[in-house]
N, C-alpha and C. Protein backbone atom coordinates (compact mmCIF):
# COMPACT_ATOMS: atom_id res chain seq x y z
N MET A 1 52.19 92.03 61.57
CA MET A 1 52.16 90.61 61.80
C MET A 1 53.18 90.26 62.89
N VAL A 2 52.79 89.33 63.74
CA VAL A 2 53.63 88.87 64.85
C VAL A 2 54.03 87.41 64.59
N THR A 3 55.30 87.11 64.84
CA THR A 3 55.78 85.73 64.70
C THR A 3 56.59 85.35 65.93
N ILE A 4 56.26 84.21 66.49
CA ILE A 4 57.02 83.62 67.59
C ILE A 4 57.97 82.60 66.97
N ILE A 5 59.23 82.67 67.36
CA ILE A 5 60.23 81.75 66.84
C ILE A 5 60.70 80.82 67.96
N ALA A 6 60.38 79.53 67.83
CA ALA A 6 60.90 78.51 68.73
C ALA A 6 62.30 78.19 68.23
N SER A 7 63.30 78.68 68.94
CA SER A 7 64.67 78.83 68.42
C SER A 7 65.56 77.61 68.60
N THR A 8 65.01 76.43 68.35
CA THR A 8 65.81 75.21 68.32
C THR A 8 65.19 74.25 67.32
N ASN A 9 65.99 73.33 66.83
CA ASN A 9 65.47 72.27 65.96
C ASN A 9 65.45 70.93 66.69
N ARG A 10 65.50 70.98 68.00
CA ARG A 10 65.49 69.75 68.81
C ARG A 10 64.07 69.20 68.91
N PRO A 11 63.86 67.95 68.53
CA PRO A 11 62.53 67.35 68.64
C PRO A 11 62.07 67.25 70.09
N GLY A 12 60.78 67.50 70.32
CA GLY A 12 60.20 67.36 71.65
C GLY A 12 60.69 68.39 72.66
N SER A 13 61.10 69.54 72.21
CA SER A 13 61.74 70.52 73.09
C SER A 13 60.75 71.27 73.98
N SER A 14 61.23 71.67 75.13
CA SER A 14 60.48 72.56 76.01
C SER A 14 60.33 73.93 75.34
N THR A 15 61.24 74.27 74.46
CA THR A 15 61.19 75.55 73.75
C THR A 15 59.92 75.66 72.93
N LEU A 16 59.59 74.64 72.18
CA LEU A 16 58.38 74.67 71.37
C LEU A 16 57.15 74.72 72.26
N LYS A 17 57.16 73.99 73.36
CA LYS A 17 56.02 74.03 74.30
C LYS A 17 55.85 75.43 74.86
N LEU A 18 56.95 76.08 75.23
CA LEU A 18 56.87 77.43 75.78
C LEU A 18 56.43 78.42 74.70
N ALA A 19 56.89 78.24 73.47
CA ALA A 19 56.46 79.11 72.37
C ALA A 19 54.95 79.00 72.16
N LYS A 20 54.42 77.79 72.22
CA LYS A 20 52.97 77.58 72.08
C LYS A 20 52.22 78.20 73.26
N TYR A 21 52.81 78.13 74.45
CA TYR A 21 52.21 78.78 75.62
C TYR A 21 52.07 80.29 75.35
N TYR A 22 53.16 80.91 74.88
CA TYR A 22 53.12 82.35 74.57
C TYR A 22 52.10 82.64 73.47
N GLN A 23 52.04 81.80 72.46
CA GLN A 23 51.08 82.00 71.38
C GLN A 23 49.64 81.98 71.92
N ASN A 24 49.35 81.03 72.80
CA ASN A 24 48.01 80.93 73.38
C ASN A 24 47.70 82.11 74.28
N ARG A 25 48.66 82.54 75.09
CA ARG A 25 48.44 83.69 75.99
C ARG A 25 48.23 84.97 75.18
N LEU A 26 49.00 85.14 74.11
CA LEU A 26 48.79 86.32 73.25
C LEU A 26 47.40 86.29 72.63
N ALA A 27 46.97 85.12 72.16
CA ALA A 27 45.64 85.00 71.55
C ALA A 27 44.54 85.32 72.56
N GLU A 28 44.73 84.88 73.81
CA GLU A 28 43.76 85.19 74.86
C GLU A 28 43.64 86.69 75.08
N LYS A 29 44.71 87.41 74.79
CA LYS A 29 44.72 88.86 74.97
C LYS A 29 44.44 89.61 73.67
N GLY A 30 44.04 88.88 72.62
CA GLY A 30 43.62 89.49 71.38
C GLY A 30 44.69 89.68 70.32
N MET A 31 45.88 89.13 70.52
CA MET A 31 46.95 89.26 69.53
C MET A 31 47.23 87.89 68.90
N GLN A 32 46.96 87.78 67.61
CA GLN A 32 47.25 86.55 66.89
C GLN A 32 48.73 86.53 66.50
N ALA A 33 49.36 85.39 66.64
CA ALA A 33 50.78 85.27 66.32
C ALA A 33 51.03 83.99 65.55
N ASN A 34 51.85 84.08 64.53
CA ASN A 34 52.34 82.89 63.83
C ASN A 34 53.39 82.23 64.71
N LEU A 35 53.60 80.96 64.47
CA LEU A 35 54.63 80.22 65.21
C LEU A 35 55.54 79.53 64.20
N LEU A 36 56.82 79.87 64.27
CA LEU A 36 57.82 79.21 63.43
C LEU A 36 58.75 78.42 64.34
N SER A 37 58.73 77.11 64.16
CA SER A 37 59.68 76.25 64.85
C SER A 37 60.86 76.04 63.92
N LEU A 38 62.07 76.18 64.46
CA LEU A 38 63.24 75.96 63.63
C LEU A 38 63.40 74.49 63.24
N MET A 39 62.54 73.63 63.76
CA MET A 39 62.47 72.25 63.27
C MET A 39 61.95 72.23 61.83
N ASP A 40 61.26 73.29 61.41
CA ASP A 40 60.66 73.34 60.08
C ASP A 40 61.60 73.89 59.01
N LEU A 41 62.83 74.19 59.37
CA LEU A 41 63.79 74.67 58.39
C LEU A 41 64.16 73.56 57.43
N PRO A 42 64.52 73.91 56.19
CA PRO A 42 64.98 72.87 55.25
C PRO A 42 66.19 72.13 55.83
N ALA A 43 66.22 70.84 55.65
CA ALA A 43 67.30 70.02 56.21
C ALA A 43 68.66 70.41 55.66
N ASN A 44 68.69 70.92 54.45
CA ASN A 44 69.97 71.26 53.82
C ASN A 44 70.19 72.78 53.77
N LEU A 45 69.67 73.50 54.74
CA LEU A 45 69.73 74.96 54.81
C LEU A 45 71.15 75.49 54.61
N LEU A 46 72.13 74.82 55.18
CA LEU A 46 73.52 75.29 55.06
C LEU A 46 73.98 75.31 53.60
N GLN A 47 73.51 74.38 52.81
CA GLN A 47 73.93 74.30 51.42
C GLN A 47 73.06 75.13 50.49
N THR A 48 71.79 75.35 50.87
CA THR A 48 70.84 75.92 49.91
C THR A 48 70.46 77.37 50.15
N ASP A 49 70.67 77.92 51.35
CA ASP A 49 70.08 79.22 51.64
C ASP A 49 71.02 80.22 52.29
N LEU A 50 72.29 80.01 52.21
CA LEU A 50 73.25 80.99 52.73
C LEU A 50 73.96 81.67 51.57
N TYR A 51 74.49 82.84 51.84
CA TYR A 51 75.33 83.57 50.88
C TYR A 51 74.61 83.94 49.60
N GLY A 52 73.36 84.40 49.77
CA GLY A 52 72.60 84.90 48.63
C GLY A 52 71.81 83.86 47.87
N LYS A 53 71.90 82.61 48.25
CA LYS A 53 71.13 81.56 47.58
C LYS A 53 69.77 81.44 48.26
N ARG A 54 68.77 80.98 47.53
CA ARG A 54 67.43 80.83 48.09
C ARG A 54 66.78 79.59 47.50
N SER A 55 66.36 78.67 48.37
CA SER A 55 65.67 77.45 47.92
C SER A 55 64.17 77.67 47.93
N ALA A 56 63.47 76.85 47.18
CA ALA A 56 62.01 76.90 47.16
C ALA A 56 61.45 76.56 48.54
N GLU A 57 62.13 75.70 49.29
CA GLU A 57 61.66 75.31 50.62
C GLU A 57 61.74 76.46 51.63
N PHE A 58 62.73 77.34 51.45
CA PHE A 58 62.90 78.45 52.39
C PHE A 58 62.07 79.67 52.03
N GLU A 59 61.62 79.77 50.78
CA GLU A 59 60.89 80.96 50.35
C GLU A 59 59.69 81.31 51.21
N PRO A 60 58.81 80.35 51.59
CA PRO A 60 57.68 80.74 52.45
C PRO A 60 58.13 81.18 53.84
N ILE A 61 59.22 80.63 54.33
CA ILE A 61 59.76 81.07 55.62
C ILE A 61 60.29 82.49 55.49
N GLN A 62 61.01 82.76 54.43
CA GLN A 62 61.53 84.11 54.20
C GLN A 62 60.39 85.12 54.08
N LYS A 63 59.32 84.74 53.40
CA LYS A 63 58.16 85.63 53.25
C LYS A 63 57.54 85.91 54.61
N LEU A 64 57.39 84.88 55.43
CA LEU A 64 56.84 85.06 56.78
C LEU A 64 57.69 86.05 57.57
N ILE A 65 59.00 85.88 57.52
CA ILE A 65 59.91 86.76 58.26
C ILE A 65 59.85 88.18 57.71
N ALA A 66 59.86 88.33 56.41
CA ALA A 66 59.81 89.67 55.80
C ALA A 66 58.51 90.39 56.14
N ASP A 67 57.41 89.65 56.23
CA ASP A 67 56.10 90.24 56.53
C ASP A 67 55.89 90.51 58.02
N THR A 68 56.72 89.95 58.86
CA THR A 68 56.59 90.11 60.31
C THR A 68 57.13 91.47 60.74
N THR A 69 56.40 92.12 61.65
CA THR A 69 56.87 93.40 62.21
C THR A 69 57.33 93.26 63.66
N LYS A 70 56.83 92.23 64.35
CA LYS A 70 57.21 91.98 65.74
C LYS A 70 57.51 90.49 65.93
N PHE A 71 58.67 90.23 66.53
CA PHE A 71 59.10 88.86 66.80
C PHE A 71 59.14 88.61 68.29
N LEU A 72 58.86 87.38 68.66
CA LEU A 72 59.10 86.93 70.02
C LEU A 72 59.95 85.67 69.91
N PHE A 73 61.20 85.78 70.33
CA PHE A 73 62.13 84.67 70.26
C PHE A 73 62.11 83.91 71.58
N VAL A 74 61.86 82.61 71.53
CA VAL A 74 61.93 81.73 72.70
C VAL A 74 63.21 80.91 72.49
N VAL A 75 64.19 81.13 73.41
CA VAL A 75 65.56 80.71 73.13
C VAL A 75 66.12 79.84 74.25
N PRO A 76 66.39 78.57 73.97
CA PRO A 76 67.00 77.70 74.98
C PRO A 76 68.49 77.95 75.10
N GLU A 77 69.04 77.54 76.21
CA GLU A 77 70.48 77.66 76.42
C GLU A 77 71.18 76.45 75.81
N TYR A 78 72.13 76.73 74.94
CA TYR A 78 72.99 75.71 74.35
C TYR A 78 74.43 76.13 74.60
N ASN A 79 75.13 75.39 75.38
CA ASN A 79 76.55 75.65 75.64
C ASN A 79 76.81 77.09 76.06
N GLY A 80 75.98 77.60 76.95
CA GLY A 80 76.17 78.93 77.50
C GLY A 80 75.77 80.05 76.56
N SER A 81 75.01 79.75 75.52
CA SER A 81 74.58 80.79 74.58
C SER A 81 73.26 80.35 73.94
N PHE A 82 73.01 80.85 72.72
CA PHE A 82 71.81 80.43 72.01
C PHE A 82 72.19 79.36 70.97
N PRO A 83 71.22 78.60 70.48
CA PRO A 83 71.52 77.51 69.54
C PRO A 83 72.12 78.00 68.23
N GLY A 84 73.07 77.24 67.72
CA GLY A 84 73.69 77.55 66.44
C GLY A 84 72.69 77.60 65.31
N VAL A 85 71.65 76.78 65.38
CA VAL A 85 70.64 76.77 64.31
C VAL A 85 69.94 78.13 64.24
N LEU A 86 69.81 78.82 65.36
CA LEU A 86 69.21 80.16 65.34
C LEU A 86 70.11 81.13 64.58
N LYS A 87 71.41 81.06 64.81
CA LYS A 87 72.34 81.93 64.09
C LYS A 87 72.34 81.61 62.60
N VAL A 88 72.32 80.34 62.25
CA VAL A 88 72.26 79.96 60.83
C VAL A 88 70.97 80.47 60.20
N PHE A 89 69.87 80.35 60.92
CA PHE A 89 68.59 80.85 60.43
C PHE A 89 68.65 82.36 60.17
N ILE A 90 69.16 83.11 61.15
CA ILE A 90 69.29 84.56 60.98
C ILE A 90 70.17 84.88 59.78
N ASP A 91 71.29 84.16 59.65
CA ASP A 91 72.20 84.38 58.52
C ASP A 91 71.54 84.05 57.18
N ALA A 92 70.62 83.10 57.15
CA ALA A 92 69.95 82.71 55.91
C ALA A 92 68.89 83.72 55.49
N CYS A 93 68.35 84.46 56.44
CA CYS A 93 67.31 85.44 56.12
C CYS A 93 67.89 86.62 55.36
N SER A 94 67.12 87.16 54.45
CA SER A 94 67.55 88.30 53.65
C SER A 94 67.72 89.54 54.51
N PHE A 95 68.75 90.31 54.18
CA PHE A 95 69.02 91.56 54.88
C PHE A 95 68.84 92.69 53.88
N PRO A 96 68.20 93.76 54.22
CA PRO A 96 67.73 94.18 55.54
C PRO A 96 66.27 93.85 55.82
N GLU A 97 65.52 93.38 54.82
CA GLU A 97 64.05 93.28 54.97
C GLU A 97 63.58 92.30 56.05
N SER A 98 64.42 91.42 56.51
CA SER A 98 63.97 90.43 57.49
C SER A 98 63.80 91.04 58.89
N PHE A 99 64.79 91.79 59.35
CA PHE A 99 64.78 92.24 60.75
C PHE A 99 64.98 93.74 60.95
N TYR A 100 65.46 94.44 59.97
CA TYR A 100 65.87 95.84 60.12
C TYR A 100 64.71 96.73 60.57
N ASP A 101 64.91 97.45 61.66
CA ASP A 101 63.94 98.40 62.24
C ASP A 101 62.62 97.74 62.64
N LYS A 102 62.66 96.47 62.93
CA LYS A 102 61.49 95.78 63.46
C LYS A 102 61.67 95.61 64.97
N LYS A 103 60.74 94.94 65.63
CA LYS A 103 60.75 94.81 67.08
C LYS A 103 60.84 93.35 67.50
N ALA A 104 61.43 93.13 68.68
CA ALA A 104 61.56 91.77 69.20
C ALA A 104 61.50 91.75 70.72
N ALA A 105 60.91 90.69 71.24
CA ALA A 105 60.98 90.36 72.65
C ALA A 105 61.74 89.04 72.77
N LEU A 106 62.49 88.89 73.87
CA LEU A 106 63.33 87.70 74.05
C LEU A 106 62.95 86.98 75.33
N VAL A 107 62.83 85.66 75.21
CA VAL A 107 62.54 84.78 76.35
C VAL A 107 63.62 83.71 76.36
N GLY A 108 64.35 83.61 77.47
CA GLY A 108 65.35 82.58 77.62
C GLY A 108 64.83 81.47 78.51
N LEU A 109 65.29 80.26 78.25
CA LEU A 109 64.93 79.14 79.12
C LEU A 109 66.09 78.16 79.18
N SER A 110 66.13 77.45 80.29
CA SER A 110 67.15 76.42 80.45
C SER A 110 66.66 75.39 81.45
N SER A 111 67.29 74.24 81.41
CA SER A 111 67.01 73.23 82.43
C SER A 111 67.83 73.54 83.68
N GLY A 112 68.84 74.36 83.54
CA GLY A 112 69.68 74.77 84.67
C GLY A 112 69.10 75.95 85.41
N LYS A 113 69.96 76.64 86.16
CA LYS A 113 69.45 77.65 87.08
C LYS A 113 69.50 79.09 86.60
N TYR A 114 69.99 79.37 85.37
CA TYR A 114 70.13 80.76 84.97
C TYR A 114 69.20 81.19 83.83
N GLY A 115 68.43 80.30 83.27
CA GLY A 115 67.43 80.68 82.28
C GLY A 115 67.99 81.29 81.01
N ASN A 116 69.20 80.88 80.65
CA ASN A 116 69.88 81.35 79.43
C ASN A 116 70.14 82.85 79.44
N ILE A 117 70.52 83.36 80.56
CA ILE A 117 70.80 84.80 80.67
C ILE A 117 71.93 85.22 79.73
N ARG A 118 72.97 84.41 79.63
CA ARG A 118 74.11 84.75 78.76
C ARG A 118 73.71 84.66 77.29
N GLY A 119 72.96 83.64 76.92
CA GLY A 119 72.53 83.49 75.53
C GLY A 119 71.62 84.62 75.08
N ILE A 120 70.76 85.07 75.97
CA ILE A 120 69.88 86.20 75.64
C ILE A 120 70.71 87.47 75.46
N ASP A 121 71.75 87.64 76.27
CA ASP A 121 72.66 88.78 76.07
C ASP A 121 73.37 88.68 74.72
N HIS A 122 73.82 87.47 74.36
CA HIS A 122 74.48 87.28 73.07
C HIS A 122 73.52 87.60 71.92
N LEU A 123 72.30 87.09 72.02
CA LEU A 123 71.30 87.33 70.97
C LEU A 123 70.95 88.81 70.89
N THR A 124 70.91 89.49 72.03
CA THR A 124 70.64 90.94 72.02
C THR A 124 71.69 91.67 71.20
N GLY A 125 72.95 91.28 71.34
CA GLY A 125 74.01 91.89 70.55
C GLY A 125 73.81 91.67 69.06
N VAL A 126 73.41 90.47 68.67
CA VAL A 126 73.14 90.18 67.26
C VAL A 126 71.96 91.03 66.78
N CYS A 127 70.91 91.10 67.59
CA CYS A 127 69.73 91.90 67.22
C CYS A 127 70.11 93.37 67.02
N HIS A 128 70.91 93.91 67.93
CA HIS A 128 71.33 95.30 67.79
C HIS A 128 72.10 95.51 66.49
N TYR A 129 72.96 94.58 66.15
CA TYR A 129 73.72 94.68 64.90
C TYR A 129 72.79 94.73 63.69
N LEU A 130 71.70 93.96 63.75
CA LEU A 130 70.72 93.90 62.66
C LEU A 130 69.73 95.06 62.69
N HIS A 131 69.84 95.95 63.67
CA HIS A 131 68.88 97.04 63.90
C HIS A 131 67.50 96.50 64.23
N LEU A 132 67.46 95.37 64.91
CA LEU A 132 66.22 94.79 65.42
C LEU A 132 66.06 95.31 66.84
N ASN A 133 65.02 96.08 67.07
CA ASN A 133 64.81 96.76 68.35
C ASN A 133 64.29 95.78 69.39
N VAL A 134 65.08 95.59 70.44
CA VAL A 134 64.76 94.60 71.48
C VAL A 134 64.04 95.28 72.63
N MET A 135 62.91 94.70 73.00
CA MET A 135 62.15 95.19 74.15
C MET A 135 63.00 95.02 75.42
N PRO A 136 63.05 96.02 76.27
CA PRO A 136 63.92 95.95 77.45
C PRO A 136 63.61 94.79 78.41
N LEU A 137 62.34 94.45 78.59
CA LEU A 137 62.00 93.38 79.53
C LEU A 137 62.25 92.02 78.88
N LYS A 138 63.27 91.34 79.36
CA LYS A 138 63.62 90.00 78.88
C LYS A 138 63.35 89.02 80.02
N ILE A 139 62.77 87.89 79.69
CA ILE A 139 62.43 86.88 80.69
C ILE A 139 63.43 85.73 80.61
N HIS A 140 63.83 85.23 81.77
CA HIS A 140 64.75 84.09 81.87
C HIS A 140 64.09 83.04 82.76
N ILE A 141 63.70 81.93 82.17
CA ILE A 141 63.02 80.88 82.92
C ILE A 141 64.01 79.73 83.13
N SER A 142 64.39 79.55 84.38
CA SER A 142 65.31 78.46 84.73
C SER A 142 64.52 77.23 85.13
N ALA A 143 65.20 76.10 85.21
CA ALA A 143 64.58 74.83 85.62
C ALA A 143 63.23 74.64 84.92
N ILE A 144 63.23 74.75 83.61
CA ILE A 144 61.98 74.74 82.83
C ILE A 144 61.15 73.49 83.09
N ARG A 145 61.77 72.38 83.33
CA ARG A 145 61.00 71.14 83.55
C ARG A 145 60.20 71.18 84.84
N ALA A 146 60.65 71.98 85.81
CA ALA A 146 59.90 72.16 87.05
C ALA A 146 58.88 73.29 86.92
N GLU A 147 59.07 74.16 85.96
CA GLU A 147 58.19 75.31 85.76
C GLU A 147 56.97 75.00 84.90
N MET A 148 57.08 73.95 84.08
CA MET A 148 56.04 73.66 83.10
C MET A 148 55.47 72.26 83.34
N ASN A 149 54.15 72.15 83.27
CA ASN A 149 53.54 70.84 83.46
C ASN A 149 53.50 70.07 82.15
N GLU A 150 52.96 68.85 82.18
CA GLU A 150 52.95 67.98 81.00
C GLU A 150 52.07 68.53 79.87
N ASP A 151 51.17 69.46 80.19
CA ASP A 151 50.32 70.08 79.18
C ASP A 151 50.95 71.33 78.56
N GLY A 152 52.18 71.66 78.96
CA GLY A 152 52.86 72.83 78.42
C GLY A 152 52.45 74.13 79.06
N LEU A 153 51.87 74.07 80.25
CA LEU A 153 51.45 75.28 80.96
C LEU A 153 52.44 75.60 82.07
N LEU A 154 52.75 76.87 82.21
CA LEU A 154 53.59 77.31 83.32
C LEU A 154 52.79 77.21 84.61
N THR A 155 53.44 76.84 85.69
CA THR A 155 52.71 76.58 86.93
C THR A 155 53.14 77.45 88.11
N GLN A 156 54.31 78.05 88.05
CA GLN A 156 54.82 78.82 89.18
C GLN A 156 54.28 80.25 89.12
N GLN A 157 53.73 80.72 90.25
CA GLN A 157 53.06 82.02 90.27
C GLN A 157 53.96 83.18 89.87
N ASP A 158 55.20 83.18 90.34
CA ASP A 158 56.08 84.30 89.98
C ASP A 158 56.40 84.29 88.47
N THR A 159 56.58 83.12 87.91
CA THR A 159 56.85 83.03 86.47
C THR A 159 55.63 83.46 85.67
N LEU A 160 54.45 83.07 86.11
CA LEU A 160 53.22 83.51 85.45
C LEU A 160 53.10 85.03 85.49
N ARG A 161 53.41 85.61 86.62
CA ARG A 161 53.34 87.07 86.76
C ARG A 161 54.33 87.76 85.81
N TYR A 162 55.56 87.27 85.75
CA TYR A 162 56.58 87.89 84.89
C TYR A 162 56.26 87.71 83.41
N THR A 163 55.83 86.51 83.04
CA THR A 163 55.52 86.30 81.62
C THR A 163 54.30 87.12 81.21
N ASP A 164 53.30 87.23 82.08
CA ASP A 164 52.15 88.06 81.77
C ASP A 164 52.54 89.53 81.62
N GLU A 165 53.44 90.00 82.47
CA GLU A 165 53.92 91.37 82.34
C GLU A 165 54.64 91.56 81.00
N GLN A 166 55.47 90.59 80.63
CA GLN A 166 56.17 90.70 79.36
C GLN A 166 55.18 90.68 78.19
N ILE A 167 54.19 89.82 78.26
CA ILE A 167 53.19 89.74 77.20
C ILE A 167 52.45 91.06 77.05
N GLU A 168 52.03 91.66 78.15
CA GLU A 168 51.34 92.95 78.10
C GLU A 168 52.23 94.02 77.47
N LYS A 169 53.50 94.04 77.86
CA LYS A 169 54.43 95.03 77.31
C LYS A 169 54.72 94.76 75.84
N PHE A 170 54.76 93.49 75.47
CA PHE A 170 54.99 93.13 74.06
C PHE A 170 53.83 93.60 73.20
N ILE A 171 52.62 93.43 73.67
CA ILE A 171 51.45 93.88 72.92
C ILE A 171 51.52 95.39 72.69
N ALA A 172 51.94 96.13 73.72
CA ALA A 172 52.01 97.59 73.63
C ALA A 172 53.26 98.08 72.89
N PHE A 173 54.26 97.23 72.74
CA PHE A 173 55.57 97.60 72.15
C PHE A 173 55.45 97.93 70.67
């Protein structure tokens, strides 16, 4: 099972639009993928699902993560790294069954010019610690508002070429 994680809880985010873009492109190539937006996390996650506790609201999310063998993280830049809600989510997931010896591809995006290159490096370190095998080809999409149209489609030819290459490699990974 494949799951795409839109790694922010920000309403109306470009992250969710890009995650849906990846989901549609994967489907066009014959790979069905679930989509988990971190907007769907329980509002009281910090109180209910850390340190060995498990709420009824988080159980279906935990099951989805445990059943997933390949992840595609779409990660916006927050303060030069990845969003704190992503780290809280990872911390809330059961170890080792959530991520251990599974596979992941990483996509960074930002409204600025570096496409969350630093945040993707930080997340790679966390993934390595969890024994989550990260695909070597990581994509960094800068100036996302200029790269994506109002329908959530990428429009720049070089970005389309790079994302398609990553998608092909992810399918084979």
